[in-house]
Protein backbone atom coordinates (compact mmCIF):
# COMPACT_ATOMS: atom_id res chain seq x y z
CA UNK A 1 149.84 -7.09 217.28
CA UNK A 2 150.78 -9.57 214.75
CA UNK A 3 148.49 -9.03 211.49
CA UNK A 4 146.31 -12.10 210.73
CA UNK A 5 145.57 -13.21 207.37
CA UNK A 6 142.29 -14.77 206.68
CA UNK A 7 141.57 -16.51 203.29
CA UNK A 8 138.12 -17.34 201.86
CA UNK A 9 137.62 -19.78 199.11
CA UNK A 10 135.38 -22.74 198.28
CA UNK A 11 136.05 -26.44 198.42
CA UNK A 12 134.26 -29.45 196.66
CA UNK A 13 133.74 -32.11 199.12
CA UNK A 14 134.06 -35.33 197.05
CA UNK A 15 133.83 -37.63 199.88
CA UNK A 16 130.00 -38.11 199.83
CA UNK A 17 128.58 -37.53 196.46
CA UNK A 18 124.68 -37.80 196.26
CA UNK A 19 122.57 -40.02 194.37
CA UNK A 20 123.02 -37.72 191.35
CA UNK A 21 126.85 -38.13 191.77
CA UNK A 22 127.14 -34.39 192.79
CA UNK A 23 129.09 -33.34 195.68
CA UNK A 24 128.77 -30.55 198.22
CA UNK A 25 130.28 -27.11 197.72
CA UNK A 26 131.81 -25.94 200.92
CA UNK A 27 132.87 -22.45 202.11
CA UNK A 28 136.59 -22.72 203.38
CA UNK A 29 138.03 -20.26 205.77
CA UNK A 30 141.55 -20.50 206.68
CA UNK A 31 143.29 -18.58 209.52
CA UNK A 32 146.76 -20.11 210.25
CA UNK A 33 146.93 -22.74 211.72
CA UNK A 34 143.15 -23.37 211.68
CA UNK A 35 140.76 -23.94 208.85
CA UNK A 36 137.03 -24.57 209.05
CA UNK A 37 134.67 -25.53 206.39
CA UNK A 38 130.83 -24.56 206.13
CA UNK A 39 128.21 -26.43 204.04
CA UNK A 40 126.56 -24.21 201.22
CA UNK A 41 123.40 -25.33 199.48
CA UNK A 42 125.00 -26.25 196.13
CA UNK A 43 125.86 -29.51 194.62
CA UNK A 44 127.83 -30.12 191.48
CA UNK A 45 129.50 -32.89 189.61
CA UNK A 46 133.48 -32.93 189.59
CA UNK A 47 133.23 -31.82 185.85
CA UNK A 48 130.93 -28.93 186.50
CA UNK A 49 133.21 -27.87 189.50
CA UNK A 50 136.05 -27.61 186.87
CA UNK A 51 133.91 -25.56 184.58
CA UNK A 52 132.82 -23.41 187.62
CA UNK A 53 136.48 -22.48 188.18
CA UNK A 54 137.31 -22.07 184.35
CA UNK A 55 137.65 -18.89 182.64
CA UNK A 56 135.17 -19.77 179.76
CA UNK A 57 131.90 -20.73 181.57
CA UNK A 58 128.85 -20.94 179.32
CA UNK A 59 126.23 -23.05 181.12
CA UNK A 60 123.60 -20.57 182.40
CA UNK A 61 122.95 -22.78 185.53
CA UNK A 62 126.53 -22.76 186.57
CA UNK A 63 126.77 -19.00 185.85
CA UNK A 64 124.03 -18.55 188.34
CA UNK A 65 125.71 -20.77 190.99
CA UNK A 66 128.99 -18.91 190.55
CA UNK A 67 127.28 -15.55 190.91
CA UNK A 68 125.55 -16.64 194.16
CA UNK A 69 128.94 -18.06 195.44
CA UNK A 70 130.57 -14.81 194.55
CA UNK A 71 127.99 -12.91 196.47
CA UNK A 72 128.34 -15.28 199.53
CA UNK A 73 132.17 -14.83 199.34
CA UNK A 74 131.98 -11.12 199.41
CA UNK A 75 129.36 -11.14 202.35
CA UNK A 76 131.78 -13.43 204.25
CA UNK A 77 134.95 -11.21 203.64
CA UNK A 78 132.81 -8.24 204.71
CA UNK A 79 132.02 -9.80 207.97
CA UNK A 80 135.58 -10.81 208.52
CA UNK A 81 136.76 -7.44 208.06
CA UNK A 82 134.68 -6.43 211.16
CA UNK A 83 136.48 -8.84 213.40
CA UNK A 84 139.69 -7.83 214.74
CA UNK A 85 141.41 -9.99 215.77
CA UNK A 86 139.76 -12.80 214.02
CA UNK A 87 138.21 -15.74 215.63
CA UNK A 88 135.85 -18.56 214.19
CA UNK A 89 133.33 -17.97 217.22
CA UNK A 90 132.98 -14.38 216.47
CA UNK A 91 132.53 -15.02 212.99
CA UNK A 92 129.81 -17.60 213.42
CA UNK A 93 128.09 -15.45 215.83
CA UNK A 94 128.04 -12.52 213.60
CA UNK A 95 127.55 -14.21 210.15
CA UNK A 96 125.07 -16.64 210.90
CA UNK A 97 122.65 -14.79 213.55
CA UNK A 98 121.07 -12.82 210.85
CA UNK A 99 117.62 -12.82 212.06
CA UNK A 100 115.89 -10.01 214.28
CA UNK A 101 115.10 -10.91 217.81
CA UNK A 102 111.56 -9.97 218.86
CA UNK A 103 111.26 -7.16 221.21
CA UNK A 104 109.16 -7.50 224.35
CA UNK A 105 106.33 -5.75 222.27
CA UNK A 106 106.43 -8.20 219.55
CA UNK A 107 103.33 -10.43 219.71
CA UNK A 108 103.43 -12.41 216.44
CA UNK A 109 103.58 -16.01 216.44
CA UNK A 110 105.87 -16.00 213.48
CA UNK A 111 108.42 -13.94 215.54
CA UNK A 112 108.17 -16.01 218.58
CA UNK A 113 108.56 -19.12 216.55
CA UNK A 114 111.68 -17.76 214.56
CA UNK A 115 113.39 -16.74 217.97
CA UNK A 116 112.95 -20.01 219.52
CA UNK A 117 113.94 -21.78 216.21
CA UNK A 118 117.08 -19.86 216.15
CA UNK A 119 117.84 -20.66 219.83
CA UNK A 120 117.37 -24.34 219.06
CA UNK A 121 119.78 -24.09 216.18
CA UNK A 122 122.55 -22.38 218.41
CA UNK A 123 122.13 -25.30 220.83
CA UNK A 124 122.55 -27.80 218.18
CA UNK A 125 119.04 -29.17 218.53
CA UNK A 126 118.37 -29.15 214.71
CA UNK A 127 115.76 -31.95 214.74
CA UNK A 128 113.66 -29.93 217.15
CA UNK A 129 114.06 -26.73 215.24
CA UNK A 130 112.87 -28.53 212.10
CA UNK A 131 109.80 -29.83 214.05
CA UNK A 132 108.88 -26.09 215.25
CA UNK A 133 109.38 -24.79 211.74
CA UNK A 134 106.96 -27.32 210.39
CA UNK A 135 104.46 -26.23 213.03
CA UNK A 136 104.48 -22.43 212.08
CA UNK A 137 104.34 -23.34 208.79
CA UNK A 138 101.11 -25.30 209.45
CA UNK A 139 99.84 -22.33 211.36
CA UNK A 140 100.45 -20.06 208.51
CA UNK A 141 98.68 -22.22 206.18
CA UNK A 142 95.72 -22.43 208.56
CA UNK A 143 95.67 -18.52 209.17
CA UNK A 144 98.54 -16.33 208.16
CA UNK A 145 99.53 -13.56 210.60
CA UNK A 146 98.29 -14.83 213.97
CA UNK A 147 99.19 -13.01 217.16
CA UNK A 148 99.64 -14.67 220.58
CA UNK A 149 96.29 -13.15 221.77
CA UNK A 150 94.46 -14.93 218.91
CA UNK A 151 95.09 -18.32 220.21
CA UNK A 152 91.95 -19.09 222.14
CA UNK A 153 90.27 -22.27 222.95
CA UNK A 154 88.02 -21.65 219.96
CA UNK A 155 90.78 -21.04 217.74
CA UNK A 156 92.52 -24.27 218.99
CA UNK A 157 89.37 -26.16 218.42
CA UNK A 158 88.99 -24.90 214.87
CA UNK A 159 92.83 -25.60 214.31
CA UNK A 160 92.59 -29.04 215.23
CA UNK A 161 89.45 -29.59 213.01
CA UNK A 162 91.49 -27.85 210.24
CA UNK A 163 94.32 -30.53 210.63
CA UNK A 164 91.92 -33.62 211.10
CA UNK A 165 90.16 -32.29 207.84
CA UNK A 166 93.56 -32.47 206.04
CA UNK A 167 93.93 -36.14 207.11
CA UNK A 168 96.53 -35.36 209.69
CA UNK A 169 96.99 -38.07 212.46
CA UNK A 170 96.20 -37.26 215.99
CA UNK A 171 99.78 -37.84 216.83
CA UNK A 172 100.67 -35.17 214.44
CA UNK A 173 97.81 -32.79 215.67
CA UNK A 174 99.20 -33.32 219.23
CA UNK A 175 102.62 -32.55 218.21
CA UNK A 176 101.73 -29.15 216.46
CA UNK A 177 99.48 -27.98 219.37
CA UNK A 178 102.05 -28.88 222.06
CA UNK A 179 104.52 -27.03 220.36
CA UNK A 180 102.24 -23.91 220.15
CA UNK A 181 101.65 -24.46 223.77
CA UNK A 182 105.31 -24.09 224.49
CA UNK A 183 105.47 -20.94 222.57
CA UNK A 184 102.53 -19.29 224.46
CA UNK A 185 104.06 -20.53 228.04
CA UNK A 186 107.23 -18.57 226.75
CA UNK A 187 105.33 -15.62 226.01
CA UNK A 188 103.50 -15.66 229.52
CA UNK A 189 106.89 -16.09 231.21
CA UNK A 190 108.16 -13.15 229.47
CA UNK A 191 105.24 -11.19 230.54
CA UNK A 192 104.21 -10.43 227.01
CA UNK A 193 100.97 -12.38 227.32
CA UNK A 194 98.74 -12.32 230.33
CA UNK A 195 98.45 -15.55 232.10
CA UNK A 196 94.57 -14.78 232.32
CA UNK A 197 94.75 -15.22 228.37
CA UNK A 198 96.13 -18.89 228.64
CA UNK A 199 94.04 -20.94 226.22
CA UNK A 200 94.83 -24.50 227.52
CA UNK A 201 92.92 -24.33 230.52
CA UNK A 202 89.64 -24.78 228.55
CA UNK A 203 91.20 -26.78 225.63
CA UNK A 204 92.56 -30.45 225.80
CA UNK A 205 95.13 -31.39 223.47
CA UNK A 206 94.43 -34.79 221.66
CA UNK A 207 96.41 -37.60 222.77
CA UNK A 208 97.93 -39.59 219.68
CA UNK A 209 98.91 -43.09 220.28
CA UNK A 210 101.62 -44.45 217.83
CA UNK A 211 101.13 -47.11 215.44
CA UNK A 212 102.86 -50.36 216.66
CA UNK A 213 105.96 -51.21 214.50
CA UNK A 214 106.99 -54.30 216.49
CA UNK A 215 107.72 -57.41 214.27
CA UNK A 216 106.50 -60.86 215.06
CA UNK A 217 108.81 -63.59 216.43
CA UNK A 218 108.66 -65.36 213.19
CA UNK A 219 109.73 -62.21 211.18
CA UNK A 220 112.41 -61.37 213.56
CA UNK A 221 114.01 -64.76 213.33
CA UNK A 222 113.94 -64.47 209.49
CA UNK A 223 115.86 -61.27 209.55
CA UNK A 224 118.20 -62.70 212.35
CA UNK A 225 119.08 -65.77 210.19
CA UNK A 226 119.21 -63.88 206.77
CA UNK A 227 122.55 -63.41 204.82
CA UNK A 228 122.30 -60.98 202.00
CA UNK A 229 124.22 -61.60 198.88
CA UNK A 230 124.93 -57.91 198.11
CA UNK A 231 127.55 -56.28 200.75
CA UNK A 232 125.55 -52.97 200.88
CA UNK A 233 122.50 -55.04 202.23
CA UNK A 234 124.49 -56.86 204.53
CA UNK A 235 125.94 -53.75 206.08
CA UNK A 236 122.30 -52.23 206.34
CA UNK A 237 121.10 -55.41 207.85
CA UNK A 238 124.04 -55.37 210.46
CA UNK A 239 123.24 -51.91 211.54
CA UNK A 240 119.53 -52.74 211.96
CA UNK A 241 120.48 -55.83 214.04
CA UNK A 242 123.07 -53.85 216.12
CA UNK A 243 120.24 -51.43 216.97
CA UNK A 244 117.81 -54.18 217.93
CA UNK A 245 120.42 -55.96 220.05
CA UNK A 246 121.51 -52.91 221.91
CA UNK A 247 118.37 -51.83 223.51
CA UNK A 248 116.96 -50.38 220.27
CA UNK A 249 119.34 -47.70 220.27
CA UNK A 250 118.43 -44.95 217.87
CA UNK A 251 120.62 -44.24 214.86
CA UNK A 252 121.17 -40.75 215.79
CA UNK A 253 123.07 -42.35 218.93
CA UNK A 254 124.79 -44.92 216.87
CA UNK A 255 126.59 -42.52 214.68
CA UNK A 256 127.68 -40.49 217.58
CA UNK A 257 129.13 -43.44 219.47
CA UNK A 258 133.06 -43.24 220.13
CA UNK A 259 135.41 -46.23 221.33
CA UNK A 260 135.29 -44.88 224.76
CA UNK A 261 131.47 -45.89 225.14
CA UNK A 262 132.48 -49.42 225.11
CA UNK A 263 133.90 -50.92 228.32
CA UNK A 264 134.47 -54.60 228.08
CA UNK A 265 131.07 -56.45 227.55
CA UNK A 266 129.11 -53.30 227.92
CA UNK A 267 127.94 -50.21 225.86
CA UNK A 268 127.39 -47.05 227.90
CA UNK A 269 125.86 -43.93 226.14
CA UNK A 270 123.69 -41.04 226.81
CA UNK A 271 120.71 -40.38 224.34
CA UNK A 272 121.43 -37.45 222.12
CA UNK A 273 117.73 -36.53 222.67
CA UNK A 274 118.09 -36.59 226.53
CA UNK A 275 121.39 -34.54 226.32
CA UNK A 276 119.42 -31.74 224.61
CA UNK A 277 116.33 -31.73 226.78
CA UNK A 278 117.75 -32.60 230.22
CA UNK A 279 120.68 -30.97 232.18
CA UNK A 280 120.00 -32.78 235.64
CA UNK A 281 120.11 -36.53 236.22
CA UNK A 282 121.81 -37.52 232.99
CA UNK A 283 122.15 -41.35 233.41
CA UNK A 284 123.95 -43.32 230.77
CA UNK A 285 122.08 -46.25 229.20
CA UNK A 286 124.19 -49.36 229.99
CA UNK A 287 123.65 -52.18 227.37
CA UNK A 288 125.07 -55.71 227.81
CA UNK A 289 126.92 -56.67 224.47
CA UNK A 290 126.26 -60.05 222.97
CA UNK A 291 128.80 -61.75 220.77
CA UNK A 292 126.85 -60.78 217.69
CA UNK A 293 126.65 -57.30 218.61
CA UNK A 294 130.48 -57.32 219.29
CA UNK A 295 131.14 -59.04 215.88
CA UNK A 296 128.99 -56.25 214.05
CA UNK A 297 131.15 -53.48 215.89
CA UNK A 298 134.31 -54.94 215.07
CA UNK A 299 133.17 -55.55 211.39
CA UNK A 300 132.33 -51.90 210.62
CA UNK A 301 134.27 -49.74 213.17
CA UNK A 302 136.31 -46.96 211.97
CA UNK A 303 139.78 -47.55 210.74
CA UNK A 304 140.72 -43.92 210.24
CA UNK A 305 143.10 -43.08 213.35
CA UNK A 306 142.28 -39.29 213.23
CA UNK A 307 138.44 -39.92 213.41
CA UNK A 308 137.20 -40.10 216.96
CA UNK A 309 133.87 -41.76 216.14
CA UNK A 310 133.38 -45.60 216.43
CA UNK A 311 131.68 -45.75 212.94
CA UNK A 312 132.77 -43.86 209.84
CA UNK A 313 129.66 -41.80 209.43
CA UNK A 314 130.66 -38.48 211.14
CA UNK A 315 134.09 -36.59 211.43
CA UNK A 316 135.24 -33.95 213.79
CA UNK A 317 134.19 -30.31 213.20
CA UNK A 318 130.69 -30.76 211.66
CA UNK A 319 128.08 -28.25 212.22
CA UNK A 320 124.86 -29.73 213.99
CA UNK A 321 122.76 -29.09 210.89
CA UNK A 322 125.39 -31.35 208.98
CA UNK A 323 125.35 -33.98 211.74
CA UNK A 324 121.50 -34.06 211.39
CA UNK A 325 121.62 -34.33 207.50
CA UNK A 326 124.26 -37.20 207.93
CA UNK A 327 121.98 -39.03 210.11
CA UNK A 328 118.94 -38.58 208.11
CA UNK A 329 120.85 -39.67 204.92
CA UNK A 330 122.28 -42.81 206.60
CA UNK A 331 118.83 -43.96 207.98
CA UNK A 332 117.57 -43.29 204.40
CA UNK A 333 120.24 -45.53 203.06
CA UNK A 334 119.64 -48.22 205.63
CA UNK A 335 115.73 -48.13 205.16
CA UNK A 336 116.15 -48.41 201.36
CA UNK A 337 117.97 -51.72 201.68
CA UNK A 338 115.80 -53.12 204.46
CA UNK A 339 112.97 -52.70 202.22
CA UNK A 340 114.58 -54.88 199.68
CA UNK A 341 115.35 -57.38 202.41
CA UNK A 342 111.70 -57.31 203.53
CA UNK A 343 110.36 -58.09 199.92
CA UNK A 344 112.98 -60.99 199.75
CA UNK A 345 112.10 -62.60 203.04
CA UNK A 346 108.22 -62.01 202.40
CA UNK A 347 107.59 -59.78 205.50
CA UNK A 348 104.35 -57.99 205.36
CA UNK A 349 105.33 -55.10 207.89
CA UNK A 350 107.86 -52.38 207.23
CA UNK A 351 111.28 -53.06 208.72
CA UNK A 352 112.72 -49.67 208.91
CA UNK A 353 115.26 -48.64 211.56
CA UNK A 354 112.30 -47.53 213.75
CA UNK A 355 111.01 -51.04 213.80
CA UNK A 356 114.23 -52.35 215.40
CA UNK A 357 113.40 -50.07 218.52
CA UNK A 358 109.83 -51.00 218.99
CA UNK A 359 110.83 -54.94 218.18
CA UNK A 360 113.45 -54.90 220.95
CA UNK A 361 111.04 -53.69 223.75
CA UNK A 362 108.10 -55.66 222.57
CA UNK A 363 109.97 -58.91 222.36
CA UNK A 364 111.29 -58.37 225.94
CA UNK A 365 107.50 -57.82 227.03
CA UNK A 366 106.43 -60.94 225.30
CA UNK A 367 109.25 -62.77 227.14
CA UNK A 368 107.95 -61.53 230.66
CA UNK A 369 110.60 -58.84 231.21
CA UNK A 370 109.35 -56.11 233.45
CA UNK A 371 108.34 -52.57 231.98
CA UNK A 372 110.57 -50.99 234.37
CA UNK A 373 113.44 -52.70 232.92
CA UNK A 374 112.47 -51.75 229.44
CA UNK A 375 111.83 -48.41 230.43
CA UNK A 376 115.50 -48.02 231.77
CA UNK A 377 116.91 -49.74 228.37
CA UNK A 378 114.94 -47.36 226.35
CA UNK A 379 116.18 -44.36 228.24
CA UNK A 380 112.66 -43.28 228.97
CA UNK A 381 111.74 -41.01 232.04
CA UNK A 382 108.27 -42.26 232.34
CA UNK A 383 106.55 -45.60 232.18
CA UNK A 384 103.72 -43.97 230.26
CA UNK A 385 106.06 -43.44 227.32
CA UNK A 386 107.40 -46.96 227.48
CA UNK A 387 103.91 -48.37 227.66
CA UNK A 388 103.31 -46.41 224.29
CA UNK A 389 106.20 -48.10 222.72
CA UNK A 390 105.22 -51.69 223.76
CA UNK A 391 103.11 -53.44 221.36
CA UNK A 392 99.87 -55.05 222.19
CA UNK A 393 99.40 -58.70 222.38
CA UNK A 394 100.07 -60.61 219.03
CA UNK A 395 96.86 -61.56 216.88
CA UNK A 396 97.20 -65.38 217.59
CA UNK A 397 97.17 -64.59 221.35
CA UNK A 398 93.94 -62.40 221.02
CA UNK A 399 92.36 -65.29 218.85
CA UNK A 400 93.38 -67.91 221.45
CA UNK A 401 91.77 -65.84 224.27
CA UNK A 402 88.64 -65.11 222.09
CA UNK A 403 88.18 -69.04 221.78
CA UNK A 404 88.27 -69.33 225.47
CA UNK A 405 85.02 -67.49 225.54
CA UNK A 406 83.01 -70.49 224.00
CA UNK A 407 84.83 -73.37 225.67
CA UNK A 408 82.88 -75.32 228.04
CA UNK A 409 83.37 -75.03 231.91
């Protein structure tokens, strides 16, 4: 057998410095002819990177970082020694799967949440994993050390009151408790909790209704006709308009697009959210591309031949967690500039990325387009979900109808 030489070191990714001009330190593993890089939690400037690798390090903060990096490298090398022959798949399974799995006798909510969160991470569903982590953190703030059998209708009522007293919206309360219900269902399916103990037979989860974020026709025209003086604001505006014109496509889906998703005058894509939650009947959303959408795509499309993505936000080989962070960072970047545009255009309502999706659906509704078509365009599986997206009638229409009540017959 040919001996495999695996080297471990660190690399400073200078491609995307943060707001403090600091770059992410990545773990670099090389096994000829393949190398992979994994994000660490440390950011430093290029000058500090040079100091970290120098022989006369005096800065105490940098010393602490170097100490932790050395510990990480030693742990990685120890894991690699256990893998013969070496493979990156085996390394990732062994090194990153550190948390203990609950046994069938485990009844703590913390263990059941941790296990499911790990499964979500393994499947690349980072956003959902973060949501479940937020829920268990909330439950621990409410009462530490809860067990499955502690979740009764009375406790659920009390937990709901605890959340509303803390000024949580009913939408947030609904999300937290529905995720708790999912964990309880898992425990019952695993025969760890008796079905007789199911607490949701006598407790109704509150149903929150989203605050509408659709813009008025006057405001959307302001946005569509605006030409910013700054290049970064123009780029943010272009991507906002692209979302609006392309069936309210989420930014998480925009950054995942590839040239193959475009076929002539149409854009085809499957929502990332749908891919993660459905295995059957995965229908692509088909969007007609009008001339302005095509111009925006041509303007900002990727020009790096080896990068397979349509836009230069992602590259190959990124971990799901990194993809999630890139998406969040891109949305934050766009929203910051759209806020400046909002102020300049004197628009009262926030015009972040989410407003583009709501505005798309509501503008179509106002123009008489069927809810069924809007449902298909948004990629929803239920008309109820679509109706929650649709804005109610505009204030001037409400006033017009109110005046009808006093008109003479």
